[in-house]
C-alpha atoms as a PDB file:
ATOM      1  CA  ARG A   1      -1.506   4.809   0.939  1.00  0.00           C
ATOM      2  CA  ILE A   2      -4.420   2.388   0.968  1.00  0.00           C
ATOM      3  CA  ARG A   3      -3.977   1.866   4.721  1.00  0.00           C
ATOM      4  CA  GLU A   4      -4.043   5.625   5.266  1.00  0.00           C
ATOM      5  CA  ASN A   5      -7.221   6.025   3.225  1.00  0.00           C
ATOM      6  CA  LEU A   6      -8.827   3.060   4.968  1.00  0.00           C
ATOM      7  CA  ARG A   7      -8.739   5.055   8.227  1.00  0.00           C
ATOM      8  CA  ARG A   8     -10.915   7.800   6.732  1.00  0.00           C
ATOM      9  CA  PRO A   9     -12.874   6.501   3.725  1.00  0.00           C
ATOM     10  CA  LEU A  10     -15.154   8.849   1.899  1.00  0.00           C
ATOM     11  CA  PRO A  11     -18.887   8.390   2.783  1.00  0.00           C
ATOM     12  CA  GLY A  12     -20.375   5.513   0.693  1.00  0.00           C
ATOM     13  CA  GLU A  13     -17.088   4.736  -0.979  1.00  0.00           C
ATOM     14  CA  SER A  14     -16.491   1.193  -2.130  1.00  0.00           C
ATOM     15  CA  PHE A  15     -13.248  -0.644  -1.469  1.00  0.00           C
ATOM     16  CA  ASP A  16     -12.515  -0.653  -5.220  1.00  0.00           C
ATOM     17  CA  ASN A  17     -12.813   3.087  -5.450  1.00  0.00           C
ATOM     18  CA  LEU A  18     -10.714   3.611  -2.305  1.00  0.00           C
ATOM     19  CA  VAL A  19      -7.926   1.422  -3.757  1.00  0.00           C
ATOM     20  CA  ASN A  20      -8.101   3.304  -7.106  1.00  0.00           C
ATOM     21  CA  ARG A  21      -7.964   6.670  -5.289  1.00  0.00           C
ATOM     22  CA  SER A  22      -4.951   5.501  -3.253  1.00  0.00           C
ATOM     23  CA  ILE A  23      -3.039   4.305  -6.346  1.00  0.00           C
ATOM     24  CA  THR A  24      -3.816   7.594  -8.113  1.00  0.00           C
ATOM     25  CA  GLN A  25      -2.514   9.576  -5.180  1.00  0.00           C
ATOM     26  CA  SER A  26       0.715   7.681  -4.980  1.00  0.00           C
ATOM     27  CA  ILE A  27       1.592   6.730  -8.523  1.00  0.00           C
ATOM     28  CA  ALA A  28       3.540   9.898  -9.429  1.00  0.00           C
ATOM     29  CA  ARG A  29       5.725   9.648  -6.281  1.00  0.00           C
ATOM     30  CA  SER A  30       6.433   5.923  -6.907  1.00  0.00           C
ATOM     31  CA  ILE A  31       7.376   6.447 -10.495  1.00  0.00           C
ATOM     32  CA  ASN A  32       9.532   9.492  -9.761  1.00  0.00           C
ATOM     33  CA  THR A  33      11.386   7.636  -6.980  1.00  0.00           C
ATOM     34  CA  SER A  34      11.976   4.625  -9.182  1.00  0.00           C
ATOM     35  CA  ALA A  35      12.980   6.701 -12.104  1.00  0.00           C
ATOM     36  CA  ILE A  36      15.782   8.345 -10.109  1.00  0.00           C
ATOM     37  CA  VAL A  37      17.107   4.941  -9.029  1.00  0.00           C
ATOM     38  CA  VAL A  38      16.758   3.499 -12.577  1.00  0.00           C
ATOM     39  CA  VAL A  39      18.708   6.426 -14.110  1.00  0.00           C
ATOM     40  CA  THR A  40      21.452   5.987 -11.489  1.00  0.00           C
ATOM     41  CA  LEU A  41      21.715   2.242 -12.028  1.00  0.00           C
ATOM     42  CA  ALA A  42      21.652   2.625 -15.785  1.00  0.00           C
ATOM     43  CA  ILE A  43      24.601   5.034 -15.584  1.00  0.00           C
ATOM     44  CA  LEU A  44      26.480   2.573 -13.415  1.00  0.00           C
ATOM     45  CA  VAL A  45      25.709  -0.265 -15.850  1.00  0.00           C
ATOM     46  CA  PHE A  46      26.776   1.489 -18.969  1.00  0.00           C
ATOM     47  CA  VAL A  47      29.455   3.896 -17.714  1.00  0.00           C
ATOM     48  CA  GLY A  48      30.590   3.642 -14.159  1.00  0.00           C
ATOM     49  CA  SER A  49      31.361   0.136 -13.105  1.00  0.00           C
ATOM     50  CA  ALA A  50      35.009  -0.914 -13.057  1.00  0.00           C
ATOM     51  CA  THR A  51      34.460  -4.689 -12.993  1.00  0.00           C
ATOM     52  CA  PRO A  52      32.111  -6.877 -14.908  1.00  0.00           C
ATOM     53  CA  ASP A  53      30.816  -8.288 -11.558  1.00  0.00           C
ATOM     54  CA  LEU A  54      29.548  -4.827 -10.559  1.00  0.00           C
ATOM     55  CA  LYS A  55      27.989  -4.261 -13.944  1.00  0.00           C
ATOM     56  CA  HIS A  56      26.057  -7.586 -13.593  1.00  0.00           C
ATOM     57  CA  PHE A  57      24.996  -6.697 -10.068  1.00  0.00           C
ATOM     58  CA  ASN A  58      23.786  -3.218 -11.198  1.00  0.00           C
ATOM     59  CA  ALA A  59      21.920  -4.784 -14.079  1.00  0.00           C
ATOM     60  CA  ALA A  60      20.180  -7.189 -11.730  1.00  0.00           C
ATOM     61  CA  MET A  61      19.250  -4.272  -9.450  1.00  0.00           C
ATOM     62  CA  LEU A  62      17.924  -2.368 -12.467  1.00  0.00           C
ATOM     63  CA  VAL A  63      15.616  -5.293 -13.460  1.00  0.00           C
ATOM     64  CA  GLY A  64      14.502  -5.680  -9.842  1.00  0.00           C
ATOM     65  CA  ILE A  65      13.634  -2.000  -9.402  1.00  0.00           C
ATOM     66  CA  VAL A  66      11.647  -1.813 -12.617  1.00  0.00           C
ATOM     67  CA  SER A  67       9.795  -5.121 -12.026  1.00  0.00           C
ATOM     68  CA  GLY A  68       9.208  -4.258  -8.348  1.00  0.00           C
ATOM     69  CA  THR A  69       7.772  -0.850  -9.168  1.00  0.00           C
ATOM     70  CA  TYR A  70       5.484  -2.258 -11.824  1.00  0.00           C
ATOM     71  CA  SER A  71       4.327  -5.033  -9.539  1.00  0.00           C
ATOM     72  CA  SER A  72       3.610  -2.865  -6.557  1.00  0.00           C
ATOM     73  CA  ILE A  73       1.575  -0.389  -8.634  1.00  0.00           C
ATOM     74  CA  PHE A  74      -0.194  -2.518 -11.159  1.00  0.00           C
ATOM     75  CA  ASN A  75      -0.382  -6.041  -9.606  1.00  0.00           C
ATOM     76  CA  ALA A  76      -0.616  -5.683  -5.817  1.00  0.00           C
ATOM     77  CA  ALA A  77      -3.691  -3.405  -5.699  1.00  0.00           C
ATOM     78  CA  PRO A  78      -5.846  -5.520  -8.065  1.00  0.00           C
ATOM     79  CA  ILE A  79      -4.855  -8.666  -6.100  1.00  0.00           C
ATOM     80  CA  LEU A  80      -5.867  -6.882  -2.849  1.00  0.00           C
ATOM     81  CA  VAL A  81      -9.278  -5.949  -4.365  1.00  0.00           C
ATOM     82  CA  LEU A  82      -9.832  -9.632  -5.517  1.00  0.00           C
ATOM     83  CA  TRP A  83      -8.809 -10.863  -2.101  1.00  0.00           C
ATOM     84  CA  GLU A  84     -11.297  -8.533  -0.466  1.00  0.00           C
ATOM     85  CA  ARG A  85     -14.106  -9.772  -2.713  1.00  0.00           C
ATOM     86  CA  ILE A  86     -13.281 -13.452  -1.968  1.00  0.00           C
ATOM     87  CA  VAL A  87     -13.290 -12.706   1.854  1.00  0.00           C
ATOM     88  CA  ALA A  88     -16.583 -10.845   1.444  1.00  0.00           C
ATOM     89  CA  LYS A  89     -18.183 -13.719  -0.397  1.00  0.00           C
ATOM     90  CA  ARG A  90     -16.997 -16.334   2.074  1.00  0.00           C
ATOM     91  CA  LYS A  91     -17.647 -14.525   5.323  1.00  0.00           C
ATOM     92  CA  GLY A  92     -20.131 -11.843   4.495  1.00  0.00           C
ATOM     93  CA  ALA A  93     -19.789  -8.107   4.571  1.00  0.00           C
ATOM     94  CA  ALA A  94     -18.888  -8.017   8.300  1.00  0.00           C
ATOM     95  CA  ALA A  95     -15.500  -9.545   7.602  1.00  0.00           C
ATOM     96  CA  THR A  96     -14.258  -7.081   5.045  1.00  0.00           C
ATOM     97  CA  ILE A  97     -11.360  -4.624   5.482  1.00  0.00           C
ATOM     98  CA  MET A  98     -13.615  -1.617   4.966  1.00  0.00           C
ATOM     99  CA  HIS A  99     -16.038  -2.812   7.671  1.00  0.00           C
ATOM    100  CA  ASP A 100     -13.201  -3.461  10.182  1.00  0.00           C
ATOM    101  CA  GLU A 101     -11.721  -0.024   9.587  1.00  0.00           C
ATOM    102  CA  SER A 102     -15.073   1.721   9.819  1.00  0.00           C
ATOM    103  CA  LEU A 103     -15.675   0.064  13.182  1.00  0.00           C
ATOM    104  CA  ARG A 104     -12.295   1.177  14.489  1.00  0.00           C
ATOM    105  CA  GLY A 105     -13.077   4.705  13.268  1.00  0.00           C
ATOM    106  CA  GLU A 106     -16.434   4.698  15.108  1.00  0.00           C
ATOM    107  CA  ARG A 107     -14.828   3.469  18.310  1.00  0.00           C
ATOM    108  CA  ARG A 108     -12.174   6.245  18.070  1.00  0.00           C
ATOM    109  CA  LEU A 109     -14.859   8.878  17.416  1.00  0.00           C
ATOM    110  CA  LYS A 110     -16.970   7.641  20.349  1.00  0.00           C
ATOM    111  CA  ARG A 111     -13.902   7.734  22.657  1.00  0.00           C
ATOM    112  CA  SER A 112     -12.973  11.218  21.506  1.00  0.00           C
ATOM    113  CA  GLU A 113     -16.514  12.463  22.101  1.00  0.00           C
ATOM    114  CA  GLU A 114     -16.409  10.933  25.582  1.00  0.00           C
ATOM    115  CA  GLY A 115     -13.141  12.705  26.295  1.00  0.00           C
ATOM    116  CA  GLU A 116     -11.054   9.606  26.500  1.00  0.00           C
ATOM    117  CA  GLU A 117      -7.573   9.467  24.911  1.00  0.00           C
ATOM    118  CA  ASP A 118      -6.999   7.063  22.054  1.00  0.00           C
ATOM    119  CA  SER A 119      -5.111   4.202  23.588  1.00  0.00           C
ATOM    120  CA  GLY A 120      -4.494   2.409  20.266  1.00  0.00           C
ATOM    121  CA  ASP A 121      -6.405  -0.713  21.486  1.00  0.00           C
ATOM    122  CA  ASP A 122      -7.964  -1.058  18.074  1.00  0.00           C
ATOM    123  CA  GLU A 123      -4.553  -1.895  16.568  1.00  0.00           C
ATOM    124  CA  LYS A 124      -4.176  -5.068  18.583  1.00  0.00           C
ATOM    125  CA  TYR A 125      -7.454  -6.501  17.241  1.00  0.00           C
ATOM    126  CA  SER A 126      -6.551  -5.694  13.698  1.00  0.00           C
ATOM    127  CA  PRO A 127      -6.222  -8.642  11.262  1.00  0.00           C
ATOM    128  CA  VAL A 128      -3.357  -6.829   9.600  1.00  0.00           C
ATOM    129  CA  LYS A 129      -0.132  -6.224  11.551  1.00  0.00           C
ATOM    130  CA  ARG A 130       0.759  -2.540  11.257  1.00  0.00           C
ATOM    131  CA  ARG A 131       4.066  -0.888  11.837  1.00  0.00           C
ATOM    132  CA  ARG A 132       4.308   2.426  13.636  1.00  0.00           C
END
């Protein structure tokens, strides 16, 4: 969600606020998805597994899903914000993620105003590899 919001940040929005807004937008969906998996795995651990090996495997999956969900919501975003601050201190404001994305947006806007199609050239110069 952060990547999506980076493409169209609100005017004057800081990176911290953008990350916070992104987490707020996606937290309910992440927790709901993980809760469904946790309930299923809990049922398999306590009721449905025929062998002890499967119970141990399901218990390990349960711990992994819970810790992964917690980490992706509450650890990854603050680490990204800290990383962005370190990069901004070392290289100046021109090297930040927000600046790079705003430049890409300006180039896309200029191309669309000139009637050119978006060729996706901005993606190959991106410091972050993106999947389509």
